[in-house]
Amino acid sequence: MKNILISMENKTKLNEYVNLLKGLDLKVVSAQDLKIPDPEERATSFEEEAVRKANYYAEKSGLPSLVEVGGFEIEALGGAPGIRSKNWDESKMTDEQNIAEVFKRLEGKYDRSAKHSIVIAFSSSLGVFTSHSEVVGMIPAKPSDKRLDKFPYRSVLFLPNYNKYWVELTHEEEEILNHRKYALEKLVDILKDLNK
């Protein structure tokens, strides 16, 4: 069984990756377990940042490394907040502040289309590989009343196909929609090669 490093601050996301990788005979080690400090975020795109971080962790740990970088993109705001989805500016923002910022910046805007995008980058001796997935919807006049800690934009993104906000999906609906699973599936053949 080969070790694979996954850098993920959010334990919910890390556990999701552990579950998604179960059938591949890989042992997940986190960057936090190895006490590898996070690099500063300085890229201008999800893909650039994901590749840079995957290479950084692979170099620091000596292990094949997988990184996810993503964020919320609003069409009328030129894709903002994008890479800065945690904090619209340099200051630390709460979930409620991020939600409020969406509606503040959308005042007077007609186009309400938005999406949540992720890029997974995997770096190993086999090379560097990336995969992309997204959840597409729109932003109504107000957010859902429901909240999911550390996932503010799920209370903002409405999914017309489900007639629900993302945060309101059932577990079964989440499994069907799972953008993380779809992105990872594109890298499965490469991950399988680790044990050859």
C-alpha atoms as a PDB file:
ATOM      1  CA  MET A   1       0.000   0.000   0.000  1.00  0.00           C
ATOM      2  CA  LYS A   2       1.443   3.343  -1.071  1.00  0.00           C
ATOM      3  CA  ASN A   3       1.175   6.571   0.912  1.00  0.00           C
ATOM      4  CA  ILE A   4      -0.347   9.618  -0.711  1.00  0.00           C
ATOM      5  CA  LEU A   5      -0.247  13.091   0.806  1.00  0.00           C
ATOM      6  CA  ILE A   6      -3.368  15.239   0.669  1.00  0.00           C
ATOM      7  CA  SER A   7      -3.248  18.832   1.808  1.00  0.00           C
ATOM      8  CA  MET A   8      -6.640  19.917   3.084  1.00  0.00           C
ATOM      9  CA  GLU A   9      -7.293  22.300   5.992  1.00  0.00           C
ATOM     10  CA  ASN A  10     -10.960  21.372   6.022  1.00  0.00           C
ATOM     11  CA  LYS A  11     -11.391  17.995   7.761  1.00  0.00           C
ATOM     12  CA  THR A  12     -14.753  17.383   6.085  1.00  0.00           C
ATOM     13  CA  LYS A  13     -13.093  17.617   2.655  1.00  0.00           C
ATOM     14  CA  LEU A  14     -10.137  15.483   3.792  1.00  0.00           C
ATOM     15  CA  ASN A  15     -12.480  12.746   5.040  1.00  0.00           C
ATOM     16  CA  GLU A  16     -14.332  12.873   1.732  1.00  0.00           C
ATOM     17  CA  TYR A  17     -11.084  12.220  -0.119  1.00  0.00           C
ATOM     18  CA  VAL A  18     -10.223   9.350   2.250  1.00  0.00           C
ATOM     19  CA  ASN A  19     -13.597   7.769   1.390  1.00  0.00           C
ATOM     20  CA  LEU A  20     -13.249   8.398  -2.343  1.00  0.00           C
ATOM     21  CA  LEU A  21      -9.800   6.766  -2.405  1.00  0.00           C
ATOM     22  CA  LYS A  22     -10.817   3.676  -0.378  1.00  0.00           C
ATOM     23  CA  GLY A  23     -10.816   1.249  -3.281  1.00  0.00           C
ATOM     24  CA  LEU A  24      -7.357   2.241  -4.557  1.00  0.00           C
ATOM     25  CA  ASP A  25      -5.177   0.673  -1.829  1.00  0.00           C
ATOM     26  CA  LEU A  26      -3.670   4.046  -0.908  1.00  0.00           C
ATOM     27  CA  LYS A  27      -2.994   5.333   2.608  1.00  0.00           C
ATOM     28  CA  VAL A  28      -3.827   9.014   2.991  1.00  0.00           C
ATOM     29  CA  VAL A  29      -1.394  11.149   4.969  1.00  0.00           C
ATOM     30  CA  SER A  30      -2.218  14.817   5.534  1.00  0.00           C
ATOM     31  CA  ALA A  31       0.219  17.708   5.318  1.00  0.00           C
ATOM     32  CA  GLN A  32      -0.898  18.564   8.849  1.00  0.00           C
ATOM     33  CA  ASP A  33       0.145  15.071  10.070  1.00  0.00           C
ATOM     34  CA  LEU A  34       3.628  15.696   8.684  1.00  0.00           C
ATOM     35  CA  LYS A  35       3.644  19.263  10.042  1.00  0.00           C
ATOM     36  CA  ILE A  36       4.445  20.706   6.617  1.00  0.00           C
ATOM     37  CA  PRO A  37       3.577  24.418   6.639  1.00  0.00           C
ATOM     38  CA  ASP A  38       1.193  25.682   3.972  1.00  0.00           C
ATOM     39  CA  PRO A  39       2.787  27.791   1.241  1.00  0.00           C
ATOM     40  CA  GLU A  40       1.514  31.312   0.732  1.00  0.00           C
ATOM     41  CA  GLU A  41      -1.263  31.707  -1.823  1.00  0.00           C
ATOM     42  CA  ARG A  42      -0.013  33.845  -4.642  1.00  0.00           C
ATOM     43  CA  ALA A  43      -1.335  32.436  -7.931  1.00  0.00           C
ATOM     44  CA  THR A  44      -4.000  34.077 -10.070  1.00  0.00           C
ATOM     45  CA  SER A  45      -5.885  30.942 -11.148  1.00  0.00           C
ATOM     46  CA  PHE A  46      -7.128  27.757  -9.504  1.00  0.00           C
ATOM     47  CA  GLU A  47      -5.011  25.541 -11.770  1.00  0.00           C
ATOM     48  CA  GLU A  48      -1.808  27.508 -11.279  1.00  0.00           C
ATOM     49  CA  GLU A  49      -2.258  27.481  -7.498  1.00  0.00           C
ATOM     50  CA  ALA A  50      -3.146  23.763  -7.384  1.00  0.00           C
ATOM     51  CA  VAL A  51      -0.091  22.752  -9.444  1.00  0.00           C
ATOM     52  CA  ARG A  52       2.215  24.984  -7.426  1.00  0.00           C
ATOM     53  CA  LYS A  53       0.968  23.553  -4.132  1.00  0.00           C
ATOM     54  CA  ALA A  54       1.008  19.918  -5.299  1.00  0.00           C
ATOM     55  CA  ASN A  55       4.630  20.284  -6.400  1.00  0.00           C
ATOM     56  CA  TYR A  56       5.504  22.012  -3.122  1.00  0.00           C
ATOM     57  CA  TYR A  57       4.050  19.220  -0.957  1.00  0.00           C
ATOM     58  CA  ALA A  58       5.564  16.472  -3.113  1.00  0.00           C
ATOM     59  CA  GLU A  59       8.977  18.095  -2.773  1.00  0.00           C
ATOM     60  CA  LYS A  60       8.652  18.653   1.007  1.00  0.00           C
ATOM     61  CA  SER A  61       7.282  15.195   1.805  1.00  0.00           C
ATOM     62  CA  GLY A  62       8.828  12.950  -0.843  1.00  0.00           C
ATOM     63  CA  LEU A  63       5.325  11.523  -1.356  1.00  0.00           C
ATOM     64  CA  PRO A  64       2.889  11.678  -4.265  1.00  0.00           C
ATOM     65  CA  SER A  65       0.763  14.708  -3.378  1.00  0.00           C
ATOM     66  CA  LEU A  66      -2.775  15.739  -4.201  1.00  0.00           C
ATOM     67  CA  VAL A  67      -4.160  19.230  -3.711  1.00  0.00           C
ATOM     68  CA  GLU A  68      -7.568  20.754  -4.356  1.00  0.00           C
ATOM     69  CA  VAL A  69      -7.941  24.460  -5.029  1.00  0.00           C
ATOM     70  CA  GLY A  70     -11.295  26.016  -5.777  1.00  0.00           C
ATOM     71  CA  GLY A  71     -13.727  28.775  -5.125  1.00  0.00           C
ATOM     72  CA  PHE A  72     -16.895  30.605  -5.975  1.00  0.00           C
ATOM     73  CA  GLU A  73     -17.117  32.464  -9.286  1.00  0.00           C
ATOM     74  CA  ILE A  74     -19.777  35.062 -10.067  1.00  0.00           C
ATOM     75  CA  GLU A  75     -20.207  35.885 -13.741  1.00  0.00           C
ATOM     76  CA  ALA A  76     -21.284  39.524 -13.269  1.00  0.00           C
ATOM     77  CA  LEU A  77     -18.193  40.156 -11.120  1.00  0.00           C
ATOM     78  CA  GLY A  78     -15.726  38.819 -13.675  1.00  0.00           C
ATOM     79  CA  GLY A  79     -15.338  35.523 -11.821  1.00  0.00           C
ATOM     80  CA  ALA A  80     -14.803  37.086  -8.376  1.00  0.00           C
ATOM     81  CA  PRO A  81     -14.231  36.124  -5.640  1.00  0.00           C
ATOM     82  CA  GLY A  82     -12.513  33.179  -7.371  1.00  0.00           C
ATOM     83  CA  ILE A  83      -9.108  32.432  -5.875  1.00  0.00           C
ATOM     84  CA  ARG A  84      -9.989  34.803  -3.002  1.00  0.00           C
ATOM     85  CA  SER A  85     -13.184  32.999  -1.992  1.00  0.00           C
ATOM     86  CA  LYS A  86     -12.149  32.636   1.666  1.00  0.00           C
ATOM     87  CA  ASN A  87     -11.597  36.368   2.037  1.00  0.00           C
ATOM     88  CA  TRP A  88     -12.681  38.871  -0.619  1.00  0.00           C
ATOM     89  CA  ASP A  89      -9.921  41.192   0.469  1.00  0.00           C
ATOM     90  CA  GLU A  90      -6.844  40.490   2.587  1.00  0.00           C
ATOM     91  CA  SER A  91      -8.770  40.538   5.875  1.00  0.00           C
ATOM     92  CA  LYS A  92     -10.184  37.388   7.464  1.00  0.00           C
ATOM     93  CA  MET A  93     -13.920  37.100   6.875  1.00  0.00           C
ATOM     94  CA  THR A  94     -16.595  34.997   8.558  1.00  0.00           C
ATOM     95  CA  ASP A  95     -19.084  32.888   6.619  1.00  0.00           C
ATOM     96  CA  GLU A  96     -21.765  35.542   7.179  1.00  0.00           C
ATOM     97  CA  GLN A  97     -19.485  38.322   5.956  1.00  0.00           C
ATOM     98  CA  ASN A  98     -18.712  36.366   2.777  1.00  0.00           C
ATOM     99  CA  ILE A  99     -22.421  35.803   2.164  1.00  0.00           C
ATOM    100  CA  ALA A 100     -23.222  39.475   2.752  1.00  0.00           C
ATOM    101  CA  GLU A 101     -20.424  40.523   0.396  1.00  0.00           C
ATOM    102  CA  VAL A 102     -21.998  38.542  -2.458  1.00  0.00           C
ATOM    103  CA  PHE A 103     -25.278  40.464  -2.234  1.00  0.00           C
ATOM    104  CA  LYS A 104     -23.576  43.793  -1.633  1.00  0.00           C
ATOM    105  CA  ARG A 105     -21.483  43.456  -4.800  1.00  0.00           C
ATOM    106  CA  LEU A 106     -24.398  42.144  -6.869  1.00  0.00           C
ATOM    107  CA  GLU A 107     -26.612  45.169  -6.184  1.00  0.00           C
ATOM    108  CA  GLY A 108     -27.893  46.483  -9.512  1.00  0.00           C
ATOM    109  CA  LYS A 109     -26.471  43.527 -11.482  1.00  0.00           C
ATOM    110  CA  TYR A 110     -28.804  41.667 -13.825  1.00  0.00           C
ATOM    111  CA  ASP A 111     -26.715  38.544 -14.499  1.00  0.00           C
ATOM    112  CA  ARG A 112     -26.987  36.243 -11.457  1.00  0.00           C
ATOM    113  CA  SER A 113     -25.184  33.195 -12.857  1.00  0.00           C
ATOM    114  CA  ALA A 114     -22.468  31.672 -10.695  1.00  0.00           C
ATOM    115  CA  LYS A 115     -20.564  28.448 -10.128  1.00  0.00           C
ATOM    116  CA  HIS A 116     -18.290  26.723  -7.678  1.00  0.00           C
ATOM    117  CA  SER A 117     -15.172  25.377  -9.417  1.00  0.00           C
ATOM    118  CA  ILE A 118     -12.426  23.079  -8.202  1.00  0.00           C
ATOM    119  CA  VAL A 119      -9.125  21.987  -9.699  1.00  0.00           C
ATOM    120  CA  ILE A 120      -7.335  18.915  -8.368  1.00  0.00           C
ATOM    121  CA  ALA A 121      -3.594  18.703  -9.024  1.00  0.00           C
ATOM    122  CA  PHE A 122      -1.611  15.513  -8.458  1.00  0.00           C
ATOM    123  CA  SER A 123       2.189  15.570  -8.402  1.00  0.00           C
ATOM    124  CA  SER A 124       4.364  12.443  -8.346  1.00  0.00           C
ATOM    125  CA  SER A 125       7.277  10.799 -10.143  1.00  0.00           C
ATOM    126  CA  LEU A 126       4.771  10.080 -12.932  1.00  0.00           C
ATOM    127  CA  GLY A 127       4.384  13.828 -13.571  1.00  0.00           C
ATOM    128  CA  VAL A 128       1.833  16.501 -12.728  1.00  0.00           C
ATOM    129  CA  PHE A 129      -1.809  15.985 -13.641  1.00  0.00           C
ATOM    130  CA  THR A 130      -4.866  18.186 -13.179  1.00  0.00           C
ATOM    131  CA  SER A 131      -8.612  17.722 -13.262  1.00  0.00           C
ATOM    132  CA  HIS A 132     -11.503  20.189 -13.076  1.00  0.00           C
ATOM    133  CA  SER A 133     -15.138  20.073 -12.024  1.00  0.00           C
ATOM    134  CA  GLU A 134     -17.845  22.589 -11.175  1.00  0.00           C
ATOM    135  CA  VAL A 135     -21.341  23.090  -9.763  1.00  0.00           C
ATOM    136  CA  VAL A 136     -23.295  25.632 -11.805  1.00  0.00           C
ATOM    137  CA  GLY A 137     -26.312  27.641 -10.671  1.00  0.00           C
ATOM    138  CA  MET A 138     -27.540  31.148  -9.975  1.00  0.00           C
ATOM    139  CA  ILE A 139     -27.842  33.610  -7.095  1.00  0.00           C
ATOM    140  CA  PRO A 140     -31.397  34.585  -6.049  1.00  0.00           C
ATOM    141  CA  ALA A 141     -32.339  37.834  -4.277  1.00  0.00           C
ATOM    142  CA  LYS A 142     -31.454  36.454  -0.845  1.00  0.00           C
ATOM    143  CA  PRO A 143     -29.517  33.490   0.621  1.00  0.00           C
ATOM    144  CA  SER A 144     -30.956  30.310   2.098  1.00  0.00           C
ATOM    145  CA  ASP A 145     -31.638  30.387   5.838  1.00  0.00           C
ATOM    146  CA  LYS A 146     -29.637  27.166   6.173  1.00  0.00           C
ATOM    147  CA  ARG A 147     -25.869  27.251   6.834  1.00  0.00           C
ATOM    148  CA  LEU A 148     -23.025  24.750   6.592  1.00  0.00           C
ATOM    149  CA  ASP A 149     -19.986  25.837   8.589  1.00  0.00           C
ATOM    150  CA  LYS A 150     -17.030  26.886   6.396  1.00  0.00           C
ATOM    151  CA  PHE A 151     -19.114  26.495   3.200  1.00  0.00           C
ATOM    152  CA  PRO A 152     -20.802  29.926   2.951  1.00  0.00           C
ATOM    153  CA  TYR A 153     -21.436  29.904  -0.783  1.00  0.00           C
ATOM    154  CA  ARG A 154     -23.625  26.806  -0.552  1.00  0.00           C
ATOM    155  CA  SER A 155     -26.192  29.100   1.084  1.00  0.00           C
ATOM    156  CA  VAL A 156     -25.961  31.455  -1.904  1.00  0.00           C
ATOM    157  CA  LEU A 157     -25.881  29.144  -4.943  1.00  0.00           C
ATOM    158  CA  PHE A 158     -29.337  28.060  -6.133  1.00  0.00           C
ATOM    159  CA  LEU A 159     -29.493  24.972  -8.371  1.00  0.00           C
ATOM    160  CA  PRO A 160     -32.448  25.205 -10.795  1.00  0.00           C
ATOM    161  CA  ASN A 161     -32.273  21.478 -11.660  1.00  0.00           C
ATOM    162  CA  TYR A 162     -33.012  20.638  -8.029  1.00  0.00           C
ATOM    163  CA  ASN A 163     -35.088  23.748  -7.257  1.00  0.00           C
ATOM    164  CA  LYS A 164     -33.007  24.127  -4.086  1.00  0.00           C
ATOM    165  CA  TYR A 165     -30.025  25.970  -2.737  1.00  0.00           C
ATOM    166  CA  TRP A 166     -26.895  23.798  -2.718  1.00  0.00           C
ATOM    167  CA  VAL A 167     -26.898  23.755   1.102  1.00  0.00           C
ATOM    168  CA  GLU A 168     -30.414  22.252   1.105  1.00  0.00           C
ATOM    169  CA  LEU A 169     -29.643  19.124  -0.945  1.00  0.00           C
ATOM    170  CA  THR A 170     -30.288  15.725   0.619  1.00  0.00           C
ATOM    171  CA  HIS A 171     -27.400  13.303   1.117  1.00  0.00           C
ATOM    172  CA  GLU A 172     -28.587  11.337  -1.931  1.00  0.00           C
ATOM    173  CA  GLU A 173     -28.715  14.474  -4.084  1.00  0.00           C
ATOM    174  CA  GLU A 174     -25.247  15.484  -2.873  1.00  0.00           C
ATOM    175  CA  GLU A 175     -23.910  12.097  -3.976  1.00  0.00           C
ATOM    176  CA  ILE A 176     -25.342  12.577  -7.471  1.00  0.00           C
ATOM    177  CA  LEU A 177     -23.939  16.102  -7.729  1.00  0.00           C
ATOM    178  CA  ASN A 178     -20.557  15.376  -6.075  1.00  0.00           C
ATOM    179  CA  HIS A 179     -18.142  17.544  -8.080  1.00  0.00           C
ATOM    180  CA  ARG A 180     -15.156  16.341  -6.039  1.00  0.00           C
ATOM    181  CA  LYS A 181     -15.873  12.722  -6.983  1.00  0.00           C
ATOM    182  CA  TYR A 182     -16.184  13.607 -10.677  1.00  0.00           C
ATOM    183  CA  ALA A 183     -12.900  15.496 -10.658  1.00  0.00           C
ATOM    184  CA  LEU A 184     -11.098  12.666  -8.861  1.00  0.00           C
ATOM    185  CA  GLU A 185     -12.511  10.011 -11.212  1.00  0.00           C
ATOM    186  CA  LYS A 186     -10.607  11.647 -14.080  1.00  0.00           C
ATOM    187  CA  LEU A 187      -7.354  10.890 -12.230  1.00  0.00           C
ATOM    188  CA  VAL A 188      -8.190   7.323 -11.115  1.00  0.00           C
ATOM    189  CA  ASP A 189      -6.050   5.548 -13.728  1.00  0.00           C
ATOM    190  CA  ILE A 190      -3.018   7.616 -12.756  1.00  0.00           C
ATOM    191  CA  LEU A 191      -3.604   6.973  -9.040  1.00  0.00           C
ATOM    192  CA  LYS A 192      -3.906   3.231  -9.696  1.00  0.00           C
ATOM    193  CA  ASP A 193      -0.466   3.302 -11.306  1.00  0.00           C
ATOM    194  CA  LEU A 194       1.075   4.255  -7.947  1.00  0.00           C
ATOM    195  CA  ASN A 195       0.775   0.658  -6.756  1.00  0.00           C
ATOM    196  CA  LYS A 196       2.315  -0.904  -9.846  1.00  0.00           C
END
